[in-house]
Amino acid sequence: MDGQRAYERHLPAQRHEIVKQKIQRIEQKHLRLRTRIKQLAWKTICFSKTEEITA
């Protein structure tokens, strides 16, 4: 969480913590997922140059 004042209304002071490590882990996970999805999409775009497609 960040240091915005909006959290004061919704969270007790004991639960509100500003920790970069947690945010970095989440962002790292999202980056890995985005990279993997892009790789899968790239692999599905390929096509055959032959006129007959055998399945």
Protein backbone atom coordinates (compact mmCIF):
# COMPACT_ATOMS: atom_id res chain seq x y z
CA MET A 1 0.00 0.00 0.00
CA ASP A 2 1.11 3.52 -0.45
CA GLY A 3 1.02 6.50 1.86
CA GLN A 4 -2.27 8.02 0.67
CA ARG A 5 -4.61 9.40 3.29
CA ALA A 6 -7.64 7.59 1.85
CA TYR A 7 -6.59 4.41 3.65
CA GLU A 8 -7.07 6.04 7.04
CA ARG A 9 -10.85 5.86 6.65
CA HIS A 10 -10.98 2.19 5.69
CA LEU A 11 -8.11 0.53 7.56
CA PRO A 12 -7.16 0.60 11.22
CA ALA A 13 -3.75 2.16 11.84
CA GLN A 14 -2.33 -1.22 12.95
CA ARG A 15 -3.06 -2.84 9.58
CA HIS A 16 -1.89 0.03 7.38
CA GLU A 17 1.71 -0.54 6.38
CA ILE A 18 3.81 0.83 3.58
CA VAL A 19 6.04 -1.97 2.30
CA LYS A 20 7.82 -1.85 -1.03
CA GLN A 21 8.76 -5.53 -1.03
CA LYS A 22 5.16 -6.69 -1.27
CA ILE A 23 4.45 -4.33 -4.14
CA GLN A 24 7.62 -5.40 -5.94
CA ARG A 25 6.62 -9.08 -5.67
CA ILE A 26 3.19 -8.37 -7.12
CA GLU A 27 4.62 -6.31 -9.96
CA GLN A 28 7.22 -9.00 -10.70
CA LYS A 29 4.47 -11.63 -10.88
CA HIS A 30 2.43 -9.46 -13.25
CA LEU A 31 5.47 -8.88 -15.46
CA ARG A 32 6.12 -12.63 -15.69
CA LEU A 33 2.49 -13.28 -16.60
CA ARG A 34 2.47 -10.54 -19.26
CA THR A 35 5.70 -11.89 -20.76
CA ARG A 36 4.37 -15.44 -20.84
CA ILE A 37 1.10 -14.36 -22.45
CA LYS A 38 3.01 -12.43 -25.12
CA GLN A 39 5.16 -15.49 -25.85
CA LEU A 40 2.10 -17.70 -26.20
CA ALA A 41 0.38 -15.17 -28.47
CA TRP A 42 3.52 -14.90 -30.62
CA LYS A 43 3.68 -18.69 -31.01
CA THR A 44 0.03 -18.88 -32.12
CA ILE A 45 0.44 -16.21 -34.81
CA CYS A 46 2.82 -18.32 -36.91
CA PHE A 47 1.44 -19.87 -40.07
CA SER A 48 2.42 -22.38 -42.72
CA LYS A 49 3.59 -21.34 -46.19
CA THR A 50 2.09 -24.43 -47.82
CA GLU A 51 -1.30 -24.21 -49.44
CA GLU A 52 -2.50 -27.42 -47.81
CA ILE A 53 -2.77 -27.41 -44.09
CA THR A 54 -2.64 -30.86 -42.55
CA ALA A 55 -4.16 -31.30 -39.16
